[in-house]
Amino acid sequence: MGTGRVLTGVGLAAVLAAIVVALLANTSNPPSGQSASPGLRVPDALAGTPLSAAVRGSAAVEEVSRLHGRRIEASDAVVARYGPIALWISASPSPLKASALLWRMNRRMAGGTRVFSDPRPQEMRGRTVFGTDGLGQRHLYYQSGAYVLWLAAPADAALQALEELLTLYP
């Protein structure tokens, strides 16, 4: 076997190792030490705005699937409205499946779409949170254990709402 093939194999192994590390970082228990599956729930208020409506179960899974343009593999979901703020949470059968859903979303949105700007990652409380703009709002999404959360809020309320979500879903 030539030196070039060995180096190519080593390079491929390094790339695969980096991917595995990234997946494990997103599928591990939350950094606070809390359980990765504390139960699907929504806060009573976000950014000072009280909960005005919530849908859970198959109707919520259907709404989240509609946003994805196809059925997603989710064991449960909730869609909550807080005035101008919307929150979608899907519960995947496992953290690994939630990670796959999150990365599929990132691949589809990479470079931006007609509706959303190119998602940009940022670290917040030990989590990678992706941010994008579209439809007149700031959109922030991330994974917490088996959950994928998507928050849509006016720009002036988005960060506060996200901080509150990171407390409930670290």
C-alpha atoms as a PDB file:
ATOM      1  CA  MET A   1       0.000   0.000   0.000  1.00  0.00           C
ATOM      2  CA  GLY A   2       1.395   3.394  -0.972  1.00  0.00           C
ATOM      3  CA  THR A   3       2.090   6.276   1.373  1.00  0.00           C
ATOM      4  CA  GLY A   4      -0.619   8.358  -0.338  1.00  0.00           C
ATOM      5  CA  ARG A   5      -3.313   5.782   0.407  1.00  0.00           C
ATOM      6  CA  VAL A   6      -2.268   5.553   4.050  1.00  0.00           C
ATOM      7  CA  LEU A   7      -2.387   9.340   4.401  1.00  0.00           C
ATOM      8  CA  THR A   8      -5.782   9.459   2.677  1.00  0.00           C
ATOM      9  CA  GLY A   9      -7.047   6.785   5.069  1.00  0.00           C
ATOM     10  CA  VAL A  10      -5.699   8.702   8.054  1.00  0.00           C
ATOM     11  CA  GLY A  11      -7.339  11.910   6.799  1.00  0.00           C
ATOM     12  CA  LEU A  12     -10.679  10.145   6.327  1.00  0.00           C
ATOM     13  CA  ALA A  13     -10.412   8.649   9.811  1.00  0.00           C
ATOM     14  CA  ALA A  14      -9.731  12.119  11.255  1.00  0.00           C
ATOM     15  CA  VAL A  15     -12.797  13.579   9.510  1.00  0.00           C
ATOM     16  CA  LEU A  16     -15.010  10.713  10.710  1.00  0.00           C
ATOM     17  CA  ALA A  17     -13.663  11.118  14.252  1.00  0.00           C
ATOM     18  CA  ALA A  18     -14.516  14.840  14.169  1.00  0.00           C
ATOM     19  CA  ILE A  19     -18.071  14.051  13.024  1.00  0.00           C
ATOM     20  CA  VAL A  20     -18.515  11.476  15.799  1.00  0.00           C
ATOM     21  CA  VAL A  21     -17.220  13.944  18.410  1.00  0.00           C
ATOM     22  CA  ALA A  22     -19.661  16.616  17.154  1.00  0.00           C
ATOM     23  CA  LEU A  23     -22.585  14.176  17.290  1.00  0.00           C
ATOM     24  CA  LEU A  24     -21.660  13.021  20.781  1.00  0.00           C
ATOM     25  CA  ALA A  25     -21.321  16.611  21.980  1.00  0.00           C
ATOM     26  CA  ASN A  26     -24.884  17.332  20.845  1.00  0.00           C
ATOM     27  CA  THR A  27     -26.389  14.070  22.098  1.00  0.00           C
ATOM     28  CA  SER A  28     -24.854  13.960  25.555  1.00  0.00           C
ATOM     29  CA  ASN A  29     -26.703  14.899  28.697  1.00  0.00           C
ATOM     30  CA  PRO A  30     -27.131  18.640  29.127  1.00  0.00           C
ATOM     31  CA  PRO A  31     -24.079  20.321  30.677  1.00  0.00           C
ATOM     32  CA  SER A  32     -25.949  21.143  33.874  1.00  0.00           C
ATOM     33  CA  GLY A  33     -26.123  17.433  34.679  1.00  0.00           C
ATOM     34  CA  GLN A  34     -29.888  17.308  34.306  1.00  0.00           C
ATOM     35  CA  SER A  35     -31.545  14.453  32.454  1.00  0.00           C
ATOM     36  CA  ALA A  36     -31.628  14.764  28.659  1.00  0.00           C
ATOM     37  CA  SER A  37     -35.323  13.768  28.701  1.00  0.00           C
ATOM     38  CA  PRO A  38     -36.990  15.779  31.459  1.00  0.00           C
ATOM     39  CA  GLY A  39     -40.420  15.571  29.777  1.00  0.00           C
ATOM     40  CA  LEU A  40     -41.926  17.612  26.995  1.00  0.00           C
ATOM     41  CA  ARG A  41     -43.236  20.868  28.458  1.00  0.00           C
ATOM     42  CA  VAL A  42     -43.495  24.555  27.644  1.00  0.00           C
ATOM     43  CA  PRO A  43     -42.944  27.586  29.863  1.00  0.00           C
ATOM     44  CA  ASP A  44     -45.931  29.600  31.091  1.00  0.00           C
ATOM     45  CA  ALA A  45     -44.357  32.712  29.551  1.00  0.00           C
ATOM     46  CA  LEU A  46     -41.452  33.629  27.265  1.00  0.00           C
ATOM     47  CA  ALA A  47     -39.748  37.031  27.309  1.00  0.00           C
ATOM     48  CA  GLY A  48     -42.529  38.351  29.535  1.00  0.00           C
ATOM     49  CA  THR A  49     -45.294  37.237  27.156  1.00  0.00           C
ATOM     50  CA  PRO A  50     -47.764  34.678  28.568  1.00  0.00           C
ATOM     51  CA  LEU A  51     -48.598  31.427  26.796  1.00  0.00           C
ATOM     52  CA  SER A  52     -51.671  32.044  24.629  1.00  0.00           C
ATOM     53  CA  ALA A  53     -52.081  28.671  22.862  1.00  0.00           C
ATOM     54  CA  ALA A  54     -50.442  25.257  22.749  1.00  0.00           C
ATOM     55  CA  VAL A  55     -50.973  22.078  20.744  1.00  0.00           C
ATOM     56  CA  ARG A  56     -49.355  18.766  21.633  1.00  0.00           C
ATOM     57  CA  GLY A  57     -49.282  15.271  20.208  1.00  0.00           C
ATOM     58  CA  SER A  58     -50.157  14.187  16.686  1.00  0.00           C
ATOM     59  CA  ALA A  59     -51.516  17.607  15.650  1.00  0.00           C
ATOM     60  CA  ALA A  60     -48.239  19.234  16.721  1.00  0.00           C
ATOM     61  CA  VAL A  61     -46.170  16.528  14.968  1.00  0.00           C
ATOM     62  CA  GLU A  62     -48.190  17.214  11.800  1.00  0.00           C
ATOM     63  CA  GLU A  63     -47.536  20.968  12.067  1.00  0.00           C
ATOM     64  CA  VAL A  64     -43.802  20.459  12.587  1.00  0.00           C
ATOM     65  CA  SER A  65     -43.733  17.975   9.679  1.00  0.00           C
ATOM     66  CA  ARG A  66     -45.525  20.503   7.466  1.00  0.00           C
ATOM     67  CA  LEU A  67     -42.817  23.064   8.233  1.00  0.00           C
ATOM     68  CA  HIS A  68     -40.194  20.503   7.201  1.00  0.00           C
ATOM     69  CA  GLY A  69     -42.069  19.701   4.006  1.00  0.00           C
ATOM     70  CA  ARG A  70     -42.272  16.028   4.942  1.00  0.00           C
ATOM     71  CA  ARG A  71     -43.085  13.762   7.854  1.00  0.00           C
ATOM     72  CA  ILE A  72     -40.399  13.807  10.535  1.00  0.00           C
ATOM     73  CA  GLU A  73     -39.597  10.968  12.882  1.00  0.00           C
ATOM     74  CA  ALA A  74     -40.932  12.348  16.160  1.00  0.00           C
ATOM     75  CA  SER A  75     -42.503  10.527  19.074  1.00  0.00           C
ATOM     76  CA  ASP A  76     -44.172  13.733  20.278  1.00  0.00           C
ATOM     77  CA  ALA A  77     -44.189  17.469  19.664  1.00  0.00           C
ATOM     78  CA  VAL A  78     -45.590  20.687  21.025  1.00  0.00           C
ATOM     79  CA  VAL A  79     -46.306  23.984  19.305  1.00  0.00           C
ATOM     80  CA  ALA A  80     -46.755  26.959  21.617  1.00  0.00           C
ATOM     81  CA  ARG A  81     -47.670  30.578  20.916  1.00  0.00           C
ATOM     82  CA  TYR A  82     -46.809  33.551  23.088  1.00  0.00           C
ATOM     83  CA  GLY A  83     -48.250  36.529  21.227  1.00  0.00           C
ATOM     84  CA  PRO A  84     -45.670  37.243  18.484  1.00  0.00           C
ATOM     85  CA  ILE A  85     -43.384  34.447  19.741  1.00  0.00           C
ATOM     86  CA  ALA A  86     -43.734  30.868  18.495  1.00  0.00           C
ATOM     87  CA  LEU A  87     -42.039  27.754  19.842  1.00  0.00           C
ATOM     88  CA  TRP A  88     -41.857  24.350  18.176  1.00  0.00           C
ATOM     89  CA  ILE A  89     -40.405  21.378  20.054  1.00  0.00           C
ATOM     90  CA  SER A  90     -40.119  17.912  18.558  1.00  0.00           C
ATOM     91  CA  ALA A  91     -39.270  14.844  20.630  1.00  0.00           C
ATOM     92  CA  SER A  92     -37.279  12.284  18.677  1.00  0.00           C
ATOM     93  CA  PRO A  93     -37.075   8.610  19.656  1.00  0.00           C
ATOM     94  CA  SER A  94     -33.424   9.141  20.684  1.00  0.00           C
ATOM     95  CA  PRO A  95     -30.835  11.916  21.017  1.00  0.00           C
ATOM     96  CA  LEU A  96     -29.031  10.526  17.958  1.00  0.00           C
ATOM     97  CA  LYS A  97     -32.198  10.842  15.842  1.00  0.00           C
ATOM     98  CA  ALA A  98     -32.700  14.396  17.159  1.00  0.00           C
ATOM     99  CA  SER A  99     -29.140  15.203  16.134  1.00  0.00           C
ATOM    100  CA  ALA A 100     -29.805  13.796  12.653  1.00  0.00           C
ATOM    101  CA  LEU A 101     -32.923  15.988  12.378  1.00  0.00           C
ATOM    102  CA  LEU A 102     -30.998  19.091  13.467  1.00  0.00           C
ATOM    103  CA  TRP A 103     -28.199  18.500  10.976  1.00  0.00           C
ATOM    104  CA  ARG A 104     -30.677  17.739   8.184  1.00  0.00           C
ATOM    105  CA  MET A 105     -32.274  21.132   8.906  1.00  0.00           C
ATOM    106  CA  ASN A 106     -28.854  22.786   8.733  1.00  0.00           C
ATOM    107  CA  ARG A 107     -28.019  21.104   5.420  1.00  0.00           C
ATOM    108  CA  ARG A 108     -31.312  22.212   3.867  1.00  0.00           C
ATOM    109  CA  MET A 109     -30.839  25.797   5.063  1.00  0.00           C
ATOM    110  CA  ALA A 110     -27.093  26.074   4.351  1.00  0.00           C
ATOM    111  CA  GLY A 111     -26.336  29.191   2.360  1.00  0.00           C
ATOM    112  CA  GLY A 112     -29.785  30.580   3.122  1.00  0.00           C
ATOM    113  CA  THR A 113     -33.130  30.001   1.448  1.00  0.00           C
ATOM    114  CA  ARG A 114     -35.784  32.228  -0.077  1.00  0.00           C
ATOM    115  CA  VAL A 115     -37.204  32.629   3.432  1.00  0.00           C
ATOM    116  CA  PHE A 116     -34.253  32.325   5.849  1.00  0.00           C
ATOM    117  CA  SER A 117     -30.729  33.704   6.002  1.00  0.00           C
ATOM    118  CA  ASP A 118     -27.781  31.319   6.292  1.00  0.00           C
ATOM    119  CA  PRO A 119     -27.881  29.808   9.813  1.00  0.00           C
ATOM    120  CA  ARG A 120     -24.974  30.850  12.019  1.00  0.00           C
ATOM    121  CA  PRO A 121     -23.891  28.792  15.040  1.00  0.00           C
ATOM    122  CA  GLN A 122     -23.155  30.356  18.414  1.00  0.00           C
ATOM    123  CA  GLU A 123     -22.292  28.828  21.775  1.00  0.00           C
ATOM    124  CA  MET A 124     -24.698  29.573  24.614  1.00  0.00           C
ATOM    125  CA  ARG A 125     -24.563  27.824  27.983  1.00  0.00           C
ATOM    126  CA  GLY A 126     -22.585  24.960  26.508  1.00  0.00           C
ATOM    127  CA  ARG A 127     -24.997  24.420  23.616  1.00  0.00           C
ATOM    128  CA  THR A 128     -24.571  25.159  19.943  1.00  0.00           C
ATOM    129  CA  VAL A 129     -27.522  27.359  18.993  1.00  0.00           C
ATOM    130  CA  PHE A 130     -28.163  28.217  15.356  1.00  0.00           C
ATOM    131  CA  GLY A 131     -29.591  31.611  14.449  1.00  0.00           C
ATOM    132  CA  THR A 132     -31.234  32.777  11.253  1.00  0.00           C
ATOM    133  CA  ASP A 133     -33.472  35.644  10.197  1.00  0.00           C
ATOM    134  CA  GLY A 134     -36.633  35.449   8.137  1.00  0.00           C
ATOM    135  CA  LEU A 135     -40.304  36.326   7.986  1.00  0.00           C
ATOM    136  CA  GLY A 136     -39.569  39.480   9.997  1.00  0.00           C
ATOM    137  CA  GLN A 137     -38.319  37.544  13.021  1.00  0.00           C
ATOM    138  CA  ARG A 138     -35.210  36.092  14.581  1.00  0.00           C
ATOM    139  CA  HIS A 139     -35.182  32.288  14.568  1.00  0.00           C
ATOM    140  CA  LEU A 140     -33.039  30.303  17.007  1.00  0.00           C
ATOM    141  CA  TYR A 141     -32.869  26.537  17.153  1.00  0.00           C
ATOM    142  CA  TYR A 142     -30.901  23.870  18.965  1.00  0.00           C
ATOM    143  CA  GLN A 143     -30.913  20.336  20.311  1.00  0.00           C
ATOM    144  CA  SER A 144     -31.311  19.287  23.931  1.00  0.00           C
ATOM    145  CA  GLY A 145     -31.086  15.520  24.323  1.00  0.00           C
ATOM    146  CA  ALA A 146     -33.887  13.950  22.272  1.00  0.00           C
ATOM    147  CA  TYR A 147     -35.528  17.348  21.668  1.00  0.00           C
ATOM    148  CA  VAL A 148     -35.078  19.843  18.845  1.00  0.00           C
ATOM    149  CA  LEU A 149     -36.361  23.321  19.711  1.00  0.00           C
ATOM    150  CA  TRP A 150     -37.117  26.139  17.255  1.00  0.00           C
ATOM    151  CA  LEU A 151     -37.934  29.601  18.553  1.00  0.00           C
ATOM    152  CA  ALA A 152     -39.286  32.409  16.348  1.00  0.00           C
ATOM    153  CA  ALA A 153     -39.469  35.814  17.999  1.00  0.00           C
ATOM    154  CA  PRO A 154     -39.177  39.524  17.304  1.00  0.00           C
ATOM    155  CA  ALA A 155     -35.487  40.455  17.363  1.00  0.00           C
ATOM    156  CA  ASP A 156     -35.831  42.445  20.602  1.00  0.00           C
ATOM    157  CA  ALA A 157     -37.315  39.460  22.492  1.00  0.00           C
ATOM    158  CA  ALA A 158     -35.445  36.545  20.909  1.00  0.00           C
ATOM    159  CA  LEU A 159     -32.385  36.445  23.171  1.00  0.00           C
ATOM    160  CA  GLN A 160     -34.366  36.706  26.405  1.00  0.00           C
ATOM    161  CA  ALA A 161     -36.759  33.975  25.243  1.00  0.00           C
ATOM    162  CA  LEU A 162     -33.815  31.768  24.282  1.00  0.00           C
ATOM    163  CA  GLU A 163     -32.149  32.263  27.680  1.00  0.00           C
ATOM    164  CA  GLU A 164     -35.388  31.164  29.348  1.00  0.00           C
ATOM    165  CA  LEU A 165     -35.631  28.101  27.084  1.00  0.00           C
ATOM    166  CA  LEU A 166     -32.036  27.144  27.832  1.00  0.00           C
ATOM    167  CA  THR A 167     -32.985  27.063  31.512  1.00  0.00           C
ATOM    168  CA  LEU A 168     -35.854  24.647  30.841  1.00  0.00           C
ATOM    169  CA  TYR A 169     -34.082  22.707  28.066  1.00  0.00           C
ATOM    170  CA  PRO A 170     -30.342  23.079  28.710  1.00  0.00           C
END
